[in-house]
């Protein structure tokens, strides 16, 4: 009587029975095609995208690679980069700072009205510059204290302080934009040193300082830890409140420096001097690879994100694209960037802190 069952064959080499080979089941932990794309975007993808954009616009527009346009690109990048660097420290916490435009307005007007100008007899020189920057720092301190100690969500606090900044700037504005008459300070806003615009050199200096702060100071290192898992950091004995407030101070300082830079470039202090920078700066930070939920990213990635935004805007202008279409493109870019950098973290945090 024959028996049915699995067929066993003798191994030709050993004579021992061996089962027929079967296909290897797929590894459930292996990344899918979509996961690979997200990994590329979150890793080296932004740098690749920047290279592709530069190559495309170089072919599409013959003026893109000209010396004059390169200088214009660096100037356009400078102010955006400084703002974005400051925002990076806050976004690494998983928080948001929406006071950029108000802080820039107040800082620019404080700076111009304390320097030589056509509205009063003051002429404090570089003291005026420092005062403008410190105005931003004070706004950052206010943001941090209200958010951390009063437990108010960061986006609500900074929306309010941004409105305060605009109101203060409107009072200082007095119905007419004061002109900066100090030739020494005005000269920092235009002209080149070699092939580099002076504003770009200021931005490079800010970038270097920010990288050092991020790598070698506690406020930089703890920012990652707090954004990654704040309760665990708190249990380890770290004064979380102090480092969160300091991160907001850094963001406010960045916006203050940007307001002063914009005033030196335009030669005036103005309520609307920061218009449009808020959305663009957040786009740059997220596009570079810093996750809105916190704990991932950094200043170096923000540089790449800001460069992508600047190159994209410059290239679209050279191609003659409608400005409203450019805004739509930026909106699409930030949606894609948020999905790419935050999809894998969506279960960890469901709200921006």
C-alpha atoms as a PDB file:
ATOM      1  CA  UNK A   1       0.000   0.000   0.000  1.00  0.00           C
ATOM      2  CA  UNK A   2       1.554   3.284  -1.054  1.00  0.00           C
ATOM      3  CA  UNK A   3       1.775   6.193   1.360  1.00  0.00           C
ATOM      4  CA  UNK A   4       1.361   9.806   0.359  1.00  0.00           C
ATOM      5  CA  UNK A   5       3.420  12.577   1.886  1.00  0.00           C
ATOM      6  CA  UNK A   6       6.222  15.005   1.138  1.00  0.00           C
ATOM      7  CA  UNK A   7       8.727  13.669  -1.338  1.00  0.00           C
ATOM      8  CA  UNK A   8      12.273  13.375  -0.019  1.00  0.00           C
ATOM      9  CA  UNK A   9      15.312  13.124  -2.298  1.00  0.00           C
ATOM     10  CA  UNK A  10      18.773  11.906  -1.435  1.00  0.00           C
ATOM     11  CA  UNK A  11      21.519  14.459  -1.533  1.00  0.00           C
ATOM     12  CA  UNK A  12      23.864  13.458  -4.377  1.00  0.00           C
ATOM     13  CA  UNK A  13      26.919  14.475  -2.351  1.00  0.00           C
ATOM     14  CA  UNK A  14      26.136  12.879   1.031  1.00  0.00           C
ATOM     15  CA  UNK A  15      23.374  10.398   0.363  1.00  0.00           C
ATOM     16  CA  UNK A  16      21.309  11.937   3.156  1.00  0.00           C
ATOM     17  CA  UNK A  17      17.738  12.914   2.532  1.00  0.00           C
ATOM     18  CA  UNK A  18      17.039  16.572   1.725  1.00  0.00           C
ATOM     19  CA  UNK A  19      13.797  18.388   1.052  1.00  0.00           C
ATOM     20  CA  UNK A  20      13.222  20.137  -2.248  1.00  0.00           C
ATOM     21  CA  UNK A  21      14.179  23.806  -2.078  1.00  0.00           C
ATOM     22  CA  UNK A  22      11.361  26.347  -1.713  1.00  0.00           C
ATOM     23  CA  UNK A  23      11.317  30.111  -2.455  1.00  0.00           C
ATOM     24  CA  UNK A  24      12.634  32.342   0.347  1.00  0.00           C
ATOM     25  CA  UNK A  25       9.712  34.275   1.909  1.00  0.00           C
ATOM     26  CA  UNK A  26       9.955  38.070   1.679  1.00  0.00           C
ATOM     27  CA  UNK A  27      11.500  39.862   4.625  1.00  0.00           C
ATOM     28  CA  UNK A  28       8.707  41.863   6.318  1.00  0.00           C
ATOM     29  CA  UNK A  29      11.307  44.261   7.738  1.00  0.00           C
ATOM     30  CA  UNK A  30      12.768  45.140   4.334  1.00  0.00           C
ATOM     31  CA  UNK A  31      11.913  48.728   3.312  1.00  0.00           C
ATOM     32  CA  UNK A  32       9.334  49.200   0.602  1.00  0.00           C
ATOM     33  CA  UNK A  33       9.910  51.303  -2.471  1.00  0.00           C
ATOM     34  CA  UNK A  34       8.078  54.247  -0.859  1.00  0.00           C
ATOM     35  CA  UNK A  35      10.168  53.842   2.308  1.00  0.00           C
ATOM     36  CA  UNK A  36      13.340  53.921   0.235  1.00  0.00           C
ATOM     37  CA  UNK A  37      12.228  57.186  -1.374  1.00  0.00           C
ATOM     38  CA  UNK A  38      11.463  58.678   2.056  1.00  0.00           C
ATOM     39  CA  UNK A  39      14.849  57.533   3.300  1.00  0.00           C
ATOM     40  CA  UNK A  40      16.549  59.200   0.352  1.00  0.00           C
ATOM     41  CA  UNK A  41      14.729  62.480   0.883  1.00  0.00           C
ATOM     42  CA  UNK A  42      15.357  62.433   4.614  1.00  0.00           C
ATOM     43  CA  UNK A  43      19.034  61.576   4.141  1.00  0.00           C
ATOM     44  CA  UNK A  44      21.012  62.905   1.224  1.00  0.00           C
ATOM     45  CA  UNK A  45      17.991  63.645  -0.926  1.00  0.00           C
ATOM     46  CA  UNK A  46      17.878  67.425  -0.334  1.00  0.00           C
ATOM     47  CA  UNK A  47      21.494  67.787  -1.478  1.00  0.00           C
ATOM     48  CA  UNK A  48      20.727  65.707  -4.570  1.00  0.00           C
ATOM     49  CA  UNK A  49      17.654  67.850  -5.249  1.00  0.00           C
ATOM     50  CA  UNK A  50      19.769  70.995  -4.984  1.00  0.00           C
ATOM     51  CA  UNK A  51      22.283  69.673  -7.518  1.00  0.00           C
ATOM     52  CA  UNK A  52      19.459  68.664  -9.884  1.00  0.00           C
ATOM     53  CA  UNK A  53      17.852  72.122  -9.624  1.00  0.00           C
ATOM     54  CA  UNK A  54      21.139  73.878 -10.331  1.00  0.00           C
ATOM     55  CA  UNK A  55      21.766  71.629 -13.333  1.00  0.00           C
ATOM     56  CA  UNK A  56      18.232  72.139 -14.682  1.00  0.00           C
ATOM     57  CA  UNK A  57      18.212  75.931 -14.403  1.00  0.00           C
ATOM     58  CA  UNK A  58      21.737  76.127 -15.812  1.00  0.00           C
ATOM     59  CA  UNK A  59      20.446  74.422 -18.958  1.00  0.00           C
ATOM     60  CA  UNK A  60      17.057  76.150 -19.075  1.00  0.00           C
ATOM     61  CA  UNK A  61      18.306  79.697 -18.493  1.00  0.00           C
ATOM     62  CA  UNK A  62      21.700  80.808 -19.835  1.00  0.00           C
ATOM     63  CA  UNK A  63      21.953  83.642 -17.291  1.00  0.00           C
ATOM     64  CA  UNK A  64      21.635  81.361 -14.273  1.00  0.00           C
ATOM     65  CA  UNK A  65      25.362  80.635 -14.026  1.00  0.00           C
ATOM     66  CA  UNK A  66      26.471  84.217 -14.622  1.00  0.00           C
ATOM     67  CA  UNK A  67      28.617  85.968 -12.012  1.00  0.00           C
ATOM     68  CA  UNK A  68      25.973  88.621 -11.411  1.00  0.00           C
ATOM     69  CA  UNK A  69      23.249  86.033 -10.828  1.00  0.00           C
ATOM     70  CA  UNK A  70      25.507  84.006  -8.534  1.00  0.00           C
ATOM     71  CA  UNK A  71      26.063  87.134  -6.452  1.00  0.00           C
ATOM     72  CA  UNK A  72      22.315  87.784  -6.444  1.00  0.00           C
ATOM     73  CA  UNK A  73      21.668  84.200  -5.298  1.00  0.00           C
ATOM     74  CA  UNK A  74      24.039  84.579  -2.361  1.00  0.00           C
ATOM     75  CA  UNK A  75      22.424  87.873  -1.342  1.00  0.00           C
ATOM     76  CA  UNK A  76      18.935  86.361  -1.536  1.00  0.00           C
ATOM     77  CA  UNK A  77      20.078  83.347   0.471  1.00  0.00           C
ATOM     78  CA  UNK A  78      21.722  85.351   3.250  1.00  0.00           C
ATOM     79  CA  UNK A  79      18.729  86.757   5.150  1.00  0.00           C
ATOM     80  CA  UNK A  80      16.624  83.630   4.658  1.00  0.00           C
ATOM     81  CA  UNK A  81      19.464  81.454   5.952  1.00  0.00           C
ATOM     82  CA  UNK A  82      19.943  83.514   9.116  1.00  0.00           C
ATOM     83  CA  UNK A  83      16.221  83.322   9.957  1.00  0.00           C
ATOM     84  CA  UNK A  84      16.083  79.609   9.182  1.00  0.00           C
ATOM     85  CA  UNK A  85      19.114  78.859  11.355  1.00  0.00           C
ATOM     86  CA  UNK A  86      17.384  80.433  14.344  1.00  0.00           C
ATOM     87  CA  UNK A  87      14.140  78.562  13.658  1.00  0.00           C
ATOM     88  CA  UNK A  88      16.042  75.273  13.446  1.00  0.00           C
ATOM     89  CA  UNK A  89      16.826  75.343  17.177  1.00  0.00           C
ATOM     90  CA  UNK A  90      13.114  75.749  18.015  1.00  0.00           C
ATOM     91  CA  UNK A  91      11.844  73.201  15.489  1.00  0.00           C
ATOM     92  CA  UNK A  92      14.342  70.649  16.816  1.00  0.00           C
ATOM     93  CA  UNK A  93      12.388  70.894  20.086  1.00  0.00           C
ATOM     94  CA  UNK A  94       9.166  70.055  18.252  1.00  0.00           C
ATOM     95  CA  UNK A  95       7.967  73.654  18.668  1.00  0.00           C
ATOM     96  CA  UNK A  96       7.289  76.517  16.245  1.00  0.00           C
ATOM     97  CA  UNK A  97       8.168  80.208  16.184  1.00  0.00           C
ATOM     98  CA  UNK A  98       5.690  82.258  14.170  1.00  0.00           C
ATOM     99  CA  UNK A  99       6.886  85.676  15.343  1.00  0.00           C
ATOM    100  CA  UNK A 100       9.570  86.155  12.668  1.00  0.00           C
ATOM    101  CA  UNK A 101       7.944  88.969  10.712  1.00  0.00           C
ATOM    102  CA  UNK A 102       7.033  91.023  13.790  1.00  0.00           C
ATOM    103  CA  UNK A 103      10.497  90.573  15.317  1.00  0.00           C
ATOM    104  CA  UNK A 104      12.208  91.592  12.082  1.00  0.00           C
ATOM    105  CA  UNK A 105      10.043  94.707  11.819  1.00  0.00           C
ATOM    106  CA  UNK A 106      10.776  95.846  15.381  1.00  0.00           C
ATOM    107  CA  UNK A 107      14.493  95.032  15.153  1.00  0.00           C
ATOM    108  CA  UNK A 108      14.907  96.927  11.894  1.00  0.00           C
ATOM    109  CA  UNK A 109      13.216 100.058  13.227  1.00  0.00           C
ATOM    110  CA  UNK A 110      15.058 100.022  16.566  1.00  0.00           C
ATOM    111  CA  UNK A 111      18.325  99.685  14.644  1.00  0.00           C
ATOM    112  CA  UNK A 112      17.647 102.484  12.153  1.00  0.00           C
ATOM    113  CA  UNK A 113      16.198 104.916  14.714  1.00  0.00           C
ATOM    114  CA  UNK A 114      19.242 104.529  16.988  1.00  0.00           C
ATOM    115  CA  UNK A 115      21.730 104.853  14.127  1.00  0.00           C
ATOM    116  CA  UNK A 116      22.175 108.031  12.082  1.00  0.00           C
ATOM    117  CA  UNK A 117      18.813 108.575  10.366  1.00  0.00           C
ATOM    118  CA  UNK A 118      16.545 111.262   8.938  1.00  0.00           C
ATOM    119  CA  UNK A 119      14.065 111.222  11.827  1.00  0.00           C
ATOM    120  CA  UNK A 120      16.106 112.152  14.902  1.00  0.00           C
ATOM    121  CA  UNK A 121      19.578 113.290  15.966  1.00  0.00           C
ATOM    122  CA  UNK A 122      20.766 109.939  17.330  1.00  0.00           C
ATOM    123  CA  UNK A 123      23.878 108.334  15.869  1.00  0.00           C
ATOM    124  CA  UNK A 124      24.984 105.383  18.015  1.00  0.00           C
ATOM    125  CA  UNK A 125      26.824 103.493  15.292  1.00  0.00           C
ATOM    126  CA  UNK A 126      27.418  99.813  16.079  1.00  0.00           C
ATOM    127  CA  UNK A 127      25.584 100.212  19.384  1.00  0.00           C
ATOM    128  CA  UNK A 128      22.448 100.651  17.278  1.00  0.00           C
ATOM    129  CA  UNK A 129      23.261  97.415  15.461  1.00  0.00           C
ATOM    130  CA  UNK A 130      23.642  95.547  18.753  1.00  0.00           C
ATOM    131  CA  UNK A 131      20.401  97.077  20.047  1.00  0.00           C
ATOM    132  CA  UNK A 132      18.543  95.861  16.965  1.00  0.00           C
ATOM    133  CA  UNK A 133      19.842  92.314  17.430  1.00  0.00           C
ATOM    134  CA  UNK A 134      19.077  92.348  21.174  1.00  0.00           C
ATOM    135  CA  UNK A 135      15.514  93.404  20.372  1.00  0.00           C
ATOM    136  CA  UNK A 136      15.132  90.063  18.618  1.00  0.00           C
ATOM    137  CA  UNK A 137      16.742  88.258  21.556  1.00  0.00           C
ATOM    138  CA  UNK A 138      14.272  89.852  23.983  1.00  0.00           C
ATOM    139  CA  UNK A 139      11.350  88.730  21.847  1.00  0.00           C
ATOM    140  CA  UNK A 140      12.823  85.231  21.837  1.00  0.00           C
ATOM    141  CA  UNK A 141      13.164  85.319  25.617  1.00  0.00           C
ATOM    142  CA  UNK A 142       9.534  86.427  25.946  1.00  0.00           C
ATOM    143  CA  UNK A 143       8.435  83.617  23.618  1.00  0.00           C
ATOM    144  CA  UNK A 144      10.373  81.033  25.577  1.00  0.00           C
ATOM    145  CA  UNK A 145       9.195  82.133  29.020  1.00  0.00           C
ATOM    146  CA  UNK A 146       5.536  82.303  28.006  1.00  0.00           C
ATOM    147  CA  UNK A 147       5.682  78.941  26.262  1.00  0.00           C
ATOM    148  CA  UNK A 148       7.719  77.042  28.839  1.00  0.00           C
ATOM    149  CA  UNK A 149       6.521  78.420  32.164  1.00  0.00           C
ATOM    150  CA  UNK A 150       2.919  79.261  31.318  1.00  0.00           C
ATOM    151  CA  UNK A 151       2.511  76.036  29.285  1.00  0.00           C
ATOM    152  CA  UNK A 152       1.005  77.864  26.311  1.00  0.00           C
ATOM    153  CA  UNK A 153       1.520  76.138  22.921  1.00  0.00           C
ATOM    154  CA  UNK A 154       4.440  77.704  21.101  1.00  0.00           C
ATOM    155  CA  UNK A 155       2.529  78.573  17.930  1.00  0.00           C
ATOM    156  CA  UNK A 156      -0.094  80.497  19.915  1.00  0.00           C
ATOM    157  CA  UNK A 157       2.505  82.383  21.970  1.00  0.00           C
ATOM    158  CA  UNK A 158       4.610  83.338  18.975  1.00  0.00           C
ATOM    159  CA  UNK A 159       1.606  84.403  16.919  1.00  0.00           C
ATOM    160  CA  UNK A 160       0.763  86.815  19.718  1.00  0.00           C
ATOM    161  CA  UNK A 161       4.277  88.160  20.199  1.00  0.00           C
ATOM    162  CA  UNK A 162       4.627  88.507  16.433  1.00  0.00           C
ATOM    163  CA  UNK A 163       1.554  90.748  16.477  1.00  0.00           C
ATOM    164  CA  UNK A 164       3.096  92.708  19.372  1.00  0.00           C
ATOM    165  CA  UNK A 165       6.225  93.153  17.276  1.00  0.00           C
ATOM    166  CA  UNK A 166       4.245  94.494  14.342  1.00  0.00           C
ATOM    167  CA  UNK A 167       2.358  96.861  16.664  1.00  0.00           C
ATOM    168  CA  UNK A 168       5.584  98.148  18.221  1.00  0.00           C
ATOM    169  CA  UNK A 169       7.106  98.614  14.790  1.00  0.00           C
ATOM    170  CA  UNK A 170       4.036 100.522  13.623  1.00  0.00           C
ATOM    171  CA  UNK A 171       4.395 102.942  16.556  1.00  0.00           C
ATOM    172  CA  UNK A 172       8.092 103.436  15.823  1.00  0.00           C
ATOM    173  CA  UNK A 173       7.354 103.763  12.112  1.00  0.00           C
ATOM    174  CA  UNK A 174       5.322 106.905  12.693  1.00  0.00           C
ATOM    175  CA  UNK A 175       3.781 106.996   9.219  1.00  0.00           C
ATOM    176  CA  UNK A 176       7.085 107.265   7.337  1.00  0.00           C
ATOM    177  CA  UNK A 177       9.964 104.817   6.970  1.00  0.00           C
ATOM    178  CA  UNK A 178      13.122 106.246   8.595  1.00  0.00           C
ATOM    179  CA  UNK A 179      16.170 106.139   6.329  1.00  0.00           C
ATOM    180  CA  UNK A 180      19.518 104.804   7.497  1.00  0.00           C
ATOM    181  CA  UNK A 181      22.078 107.596   7.028  1.00  0.00           C
ATOM    182  CA  UNK A 182      25.139 105.923   8.574  1.00  0.00           C
ATOM    183  CA  UNK A 183      27.360 105.175   5.563  1.00  0.00           C
ATOM    184  CA  UNK A 184      29.455 102.650   7.470  1.00  0.00           C
ATOM    185  CA  UNK A 185      26.464 100.548   8.497  1.00  0.00           C
ATOM    186  CA  UNK A 186      24.701 101.077   5.176  1.00  0.00           C
ATOM    187  CA  UNK A 187      27.776  99.797   3.385  1.00  0.00           C
ATOM    188  CA  UNK A 188      27.451  96.424   5.105  1.00  0.00           C
ATOM    189  CA  UNK A 189      24.202  95.849   3.272  1.00  0.00           C
ATOM    190  CA  UNK A 190      25.521  96.000  -0.262  1.00  0.00           C
ATOM    191  CA  UNK A 191      28.732  95.563  -2.188  1.00  0.00           C
ATOM    192  CA  UNK A 192      31.090  92.602  -2.305  1.00  0.00           C
ATOM    193  CA  UNK A 193      34.278  91.422  -0.675  1.00  0.00           C
ATOM    194  CA  UNK A 194      35.912  89.639  -3.573  1.00  0.00           C
ATOM    195  CA  UNK A 195      33.159  87.573  -5.148  1.00  0.00           C
ATOM    196  CA  UNK A 196      31.068  87.347  -1.968  1.00  0.00           C
ATOM    197  CA  UNK A 197      28.354  89.865  -1.035  1.00  0.00           C
ATOM    198  CA  UNK A 198      28.900  91.360   2.418  1.00  0.00           C
ATOM    199  CA  UNK A 199      25.525  90.051   3.576  1.00  0.00           C
ATOM    200  CA  UNK A 200      26.610  86.551   2.573  1.00  0.00           C
ATOM    201  CA  UNK A 201      29.727  86.881   4.735  1.00  0.00           C
ATOM    202  CA  UNK A 202      27.547  87.864   7.701  1.00  0.00           C
ATOM    203  CA  UNK A 203      25.341  84.824   7.034  1.00  0.00           C
ATOM    204  CA  UNK A 204      28.406  82.552   6.844  1.00  0.00           C
ATOM    205  CA  UNK A 205      29.596  83.883  10.202  1.00  0.00           C
ATOM    206  CA  UNK A 206      26.167  83.207  11.734  1.00  0.00           C
ATOM    207  CA  UNK A 207      26.205  79.709  10.218  1.00  0.00           C
ATOM    208  CA  UNK A 208      29.615  78.904  11.713  1.00  0.00           C
ATOM    209  CA  UNK A 209      28.570  80.126  15.164  1.00  0.00           C
ATOM    210  CA  UNK A 210      25.319  78.135  14.969  1.00  0.00           C
ATOM    211  CA  UNK A 211      27.163  74.953  13.984  1.00  0.00           C
ATOM    212  CA  UNK A 212      29.507  75.391  16.943  1.00  0.00           C
ATOM    213  CA  UNK A 213      26.584  75.993  19.304  1.00  0.00           C
ATOM    214  CA  UNK A 214      24.778  72.932  17.978  1.00  0.00           C
ATOM    215  CA  UNK A 215      27.781  70.628  18.279  1.00  0.00           C
ATOM    216  CA  UNK A 216      29.682  71.832  21.334  1.00  0.00           C
ATOM    217  CA  UNK A 217      27.142  73.397  23.714  1.00  0.00           C
ATOM    218  CA  UNK A 218      24.469  71.872  25.910  1.00  0.00           C
ATOM    219  CA  UNK A 219      21.697  73.953  24.380  1.00  0.00           C
ATOM    220  CA  UNK A 220      22.545  72.440  21.000  1.00  0.00           C
ATOM    221  CA  UNK A 221      22.937  68.840  22.150  1.00  0.00           C
ATOM    222  CA  UNK A 222      19.987  68.853  24.532  1.00  0.00           C
ATOM    223  CA  UNK A 223      17.775  70.285  21.798  1.00  0.00           C
ATOM    224  CA  UNK A 224      17.945  66.960  19.967  1.00  0.00           C
ATOM    225  CA  UNK A 225      17.260  65.001  23.140  1.00  0.00           C
ATOM    226  CA  UNK A 226      14.320  67.187  24.215  1.00  0.00           C
ATOM    227  CA  UNK A 227      12.759  66.991  20.765  1.00  0.00           C
ATOM    228  CA  UNK A 228      13.307  63.244  20.668  1.00  0.00           C
ATOM    229  CA  UNK A 229      11.842  62.356  24.071  1.00  0.00           C
ATOM    230  CA  UNK A 230      11.317  65.213  26.511  1.00  0.00           C
ATOM    231  CA  UNK A 231       9.978  63.137  29.455  1.00  0.00           C
ATOM    232  CA  UNK A 232      13.057  60.902  29.445  1.00  0.00           C
ATOM    233  CA  UNK A 233      15.382  63.928  29.356  1.00  0.00           C
ATOM    234  CA  UNK A 234      13.478  65.471  32.258  1.00  0.00           C
ATOM    235  CA  UNK A 235      13.786  62.259  34.275  1.00  0.00           C
ATOM    236  CA  UNK A 236      17.547  62.263  33.702  1.00  0.00           C
ATOM    237  CA  UNK A 237      17.823  65.513  35.678  1.00  0.00           C
ATOM    238  CA  UNK A 238      18.271  67.987  32.811  1.00  0.00           C
ATOM    239  CA  UNK A 239      16.767  71.445  33.335  1.00  0.00           C
ATOM    240  CA  UNK A 240      14.549  71.189  30.261  1.00  0.00           C
ATOM    241  CA  UNK A 241      12.910  74.569  30.797  1.00  0.00           C
ATOM    242  CA  UNK A 242      16.237  76.436  30.680  1.00  0.00           C
ATOM    243  CA  UNK A 243      17.338  74.888  27.401  1.00  0.00           C
ATOM    244  CA  UNK A 244      13.977  75.348  25.745  1.00  0.00           C
ATOM    245  CA  UNK A 245      13.980  79.048  26.652  1.00  0.00           C
ATOM    246  CA  UNK A 246      17.544  79.410  25.345  1.00  0.00           C
ATOM    247  CA  UNK A 247      16.498  77.809  22.050  1.00  0.00           C
ATOM    248  CA  UNK A 248      13.766  80.417  21.650  1.00  0.00           C
ATOM    249  CA  UNK A 249      16.302  83.148  22.459  1.00  0.00           C
ATOM    250  CA  UNK A 250      18.510  81.830  19.643  1.00  0.00           C
ATOM    251  CA  UNK A 251      15.552  81.913  17.256  1.00  0.00           C
ATOM    252  CA  UNK A 252      14.689  85.478  18.256  1.00  0.00           C
ATOM    253  CA  UNK A 253      18.314  86.514  17.875  1.00  0.00           C
ATOM    254  CA  UNK A 254      18.358  85.072  14.365  1.00  0.00           C
ATOM    255  CA  UNK A 255      15.260  87.063  13.430  1.00  0.00           C
ATOM    256  CA  UNK A 256      16.793  90.178  15.008  1.00  0.00           C
ATOM    257  CA  UNK A 257      19.999  89.787  12.989  1.00  0.00           C
ATOM    258  CA  UNK A 258      17.905  89.244   9.857  1.00  0.00           C
ATOM    259  CA  UNK A 259      15.906  92.414  10.535  1.00  0.00           C
ATOM    260  CA  UNK A 260      19.102  94.432  10.891  1.00  0.00           C
ATOM    261  CA  UNK A 261      20.534  92.860   7.716  1.00  0.00           C
ATOM    262  CA  UNK A 262      17.381  93.704   5.772  1.00  0.00           C
ATOM    263  CA  UNK A 263      17.475  97.308   7.040  1.00  0.00           C
ATOM    264  CA  UNK A 264      21.126  97.660   5.969  1.00  0.00           C
ATOM    265  CA  UNK A 265      20.294  96.205   2.563  1.00  0.00           C
ATOM    266  CA  UNK A 266      17.241  98.402   1.919  1.00  0.00           C
ATOM    267  CA  UNK A 267      18.500 101.475   3.781  1.00  0.00           C
ATOM    268  CA  UNK A 268      15.276 101.866   5.768  1.00  0.00           C
ATOM    269  CA  UNK A 269      13.448 100.465   8.771  1.00  0.00           C
ATOM    270  CA  UNK A 270       9.998  99.241   7.810  1.00  0.00           C
ATOM    271  CA  UNK A 271       7.005  97.461   9.334  1.00  0.00           C
ATOM    272  CA  UNK A 272       6.790  95.102   6.352  1.00  0.00           C
ATOM    273  CA  UNK A 273      10.516  94.399   6.103  1.00  0.00           C
ATOM    274  CA  UNK A 274      10.020  90.762   7.087  1.00  0.00           C
ATOM    275  CA  UNK A 275       6.955  90.096   4.954  1.00  0.00           C
ATOM    276  CA  UNK A 276       7.013  86.624   3.408  1.00  0.00           C
ATOM    277  CA  UNK A 277      10.002  85.317   5.335  1.00  0.00           C
ATOM    278  CA  UNK A 278       8.013  83.357   7.937  1.00  0.00           C
ATOM    279  CA  UNK A 279       6.588  80.757   5.583  1.00  0.00           C
ATOM    280  CA  UNK A 280       9.711  80.555   3.462  1.00  0.00           C
ATOM    281  CA  UNK A 281      11.983  80.010   6.472  1.00  0.00           C
ATOM    282  CA  UNK A 282       9.861  77.175   7.861  1.00  0.00           C
ATOM    283  CA  UNK A 283       9.847  75.645   4.381  1.00  0.00           C
ATOM    284  CA  UNK A 284      13.642  75.828   4.255  1.00  0.00           C
ATOM    285  CA  UNK A 285      14.072  74.168   7.652  1.00  0.00           C
ATOM    286  CA  UNK A 286      11.671  71.312   6.926  1.00  0.00           C
ATOM    287  CA  UNK A 287      12.845  70.831   3.350  1.00  0.00           C
ATOM    288  CA  UNK A 288      16.404  70.481   4.590  1.00  0.00           C
ATOM    289  CA  UNK A 289      15.391  67.499   6.714  1.00  0.00           C
ATOM    290  CA  UNK A 290      14.513  68.862  10.163  1.00  0.00           C
ATOM    291  CA  UNK A 291      11.323  67.131  11.316  1.00  0.00           C
ATOM    292  CA  UNK A 292       8.499  69.260  12.691  1.00  0.00           C
ATOM    293  CA  UNK A 293       8.015  66.707  15.478  1.00  0.00           C
ATOM    294  CA  UNK A 294      11.541  67.471  16.707  1.00  0.00           C
ATOM    295  CA  UNK A 295      14.708  65.557  17.430  1.00  0.00           C
ATOM    296  CA  UNK A 296      15.869  65.147  13.827  1.00  0.00           C
ATOM    297  CA  UNK A 297      17.713  67.584  11.586  1.00  0.00           C
ATOM    298  CA  UNK A 298      20.153  70.386  12.214  1.00  0.00           C
ATOM    299  CA  UNK A 299      21.696  73.624  11.025  1.00  0.00           C
ATOM    300  CA  UNK A 300      23.705  71.976   8.234  1.00  0.00           C
ATOM    301  CA  UNK A 301      20.536  70.511   6.750  1.00  0.00           C
ATOM    302  CA  UNK A 302      18.849  73.903   6.987  1.00  0.00           C
ATOM    303  CA  UNK A 303      21.594  75.393   4.806  1.00  0.00           C
ATOM    304  CA  UNK A 304      20.681  72.917   2.055  1.00  0.00           C
ATOM    305  CA  UNK A 305      16.970  73.598   2.444  1.00  0.00           C
ATOM    306  CA  UNK A 306      17.442  77.371   2.263  1.00  0.00           C
ATOM    307  CA  UNK A 307      19.647  76.958  -0.814  1.00  0.00           C
ATOM    308  CA  UNK A 308      16.955  74.863  -2.532  1.00  0.00           C
ATOM    309  CA  UNK A 309      14.288  77.498  -1.860  1.00  0.00           C
ATOM    310  CA  UNK A 310      16.563  80.293  -3.089  1.00  0.00           C
ATOM    311  CA  UNK A 311      17.668  78.478  -6.250  1.00  0.00           C
ATOM    312  CA  UNK A 312      14.071  77.469  -7.016  1.00  0.00           C
ATOM    313  CA  UNK A 313      12.746  81.023  -6.602  1.00  0.00           C
ATOM    314  CA  UNK A 314      15.608  82.533  -8.614  1.00  0.00           C
ATOM    315  CA  UNK A 315      15.249  79.993 -11.414  1.00  0.00           C
ATOM    316  CA  UNK A 316      11.491  80.462 -11.666  1.00  0.00           C
ATOM    317  CA  UNK A 317      11.974  84.230 -11.921  1.00  0.00           C
ATOM    318  CA  UNK A 318      14.522  83.777 -14.722  1.00  0.00           C
ATOM    319  CA  UNK A 319      12.047  81.491 -16.508  1.00  0.00           C
ATOM    320  CA  UNK A 320       9.361  84.189 -16.235  1.00  0.00           C
ATOM    321  CA  UNK A 321       6.989  82.132 -14.062  1.00  0.00           C
ATOM    322  CA  UNK A 322       4.082  84.024 -12.498  1.00  0.00           C
ATOM    323  CA  UNK A 323       4.838  85.049  -8.875  1.00  0.00           C
ATOM    324  CA  UNK A 324       1.588  83.479  -7.657  1.00  0.00           C
ATOM    325  CA  UNK A 325       2.602  80.186  -9.229  1.00  0.00           C
ATOM    326  CA  UNK A 326       5.921  80.462  -7.364  1.00  0.00           C
ATOM    327  CA  UNK A 327       4.024  80.667  -4.054  1.00  0.00           C
ATOM    328  CA  UNK A 328       2.016  77.576  -5.013  1.00  0.00           C
ATOM    329  CA  UNK A 329       5.222  75.723  -5.843  1.00  0.00           C
ATOM    330  CA  UNK A 330       6.666  76.606  -2.429  1.00  0.00           C
ATOM    331  CA  UNK A 331       3.502  75.335  -0.769  1.00  0.00           C
ATOM    332  CA  UNK A 332       3.760  72.055  -2.657  1.00  0.00           C
ATOM    333  CA  UNK A 333       7.417  71.753  -1.679  1.00  0.00           C
ATOM    334  CA  UNK A 334       6.720  72.101   2.051  1.00  0.00           C
ATOM    335  CA  UNK A 335       3.885  69.528   1.924  1.00  0.00           C
ATOM    336  CA  UNK A 336       6.171  67.025   0.217  1.00  0.00           C
ATOM    337  CA  UNK A 337       8.971  67.788   2.668  1.00  0.00           C
ATOM    338  CA  UNK A 338       6.736  67.323   5.724  1.00  0.00           C
ATOM    339  CA  UNK A 339       5.463  63.982   4.426  1.00  0.00           C
ATOM    340  CA  UNK A 340       8.963  62.793   3.564  1.00  0.00           C
ATOM    341  CA  UNK A 341      10.590  63.718   6.871  1.00  0.00           C
ATOM    342  CA  UNK A 342       7.712  63.030   9.245  1.00  0.00           C
ATOM    343  CA  UNK A 343       5.827  60.008   7.885  1.00  0.00           C
ATOM    344  CA  UNK A 344       7.784  57.429   9.843  1.00  0.00           C
ATOM    345  CA  UNK A 345       7.349  59.487  13.042  1.00  0.00           C
ATOM    346  CA  UNK A 346       3.592  60.056  12.733  1.00  0.00           C
ATOM    347  CA  UNK A 347       2.742  57.569  15.495  1.00  0.00           C
ATOM    348  CA  UNK A 348       5.226  59.067  17.960  1.00  0.00           C
ATOM    349  CA  UNK A 349       3.836  62.584  18.034  1.00  0.00           C
ATOM    350  CA  UNK A 350       0.497  63.644  16.605  1.00  0.00           C
ATOM    351  CA  UNK A 351       0.708  67.358  17.411  1.00  0.00           C
ATOM    352  CA  UNK A 352       3.296  70.078  17.129  1.00  0.00           C
ATOM    353  CA  UNK A 353       4.234  71.178  20.672  1.00  0.00           C
END
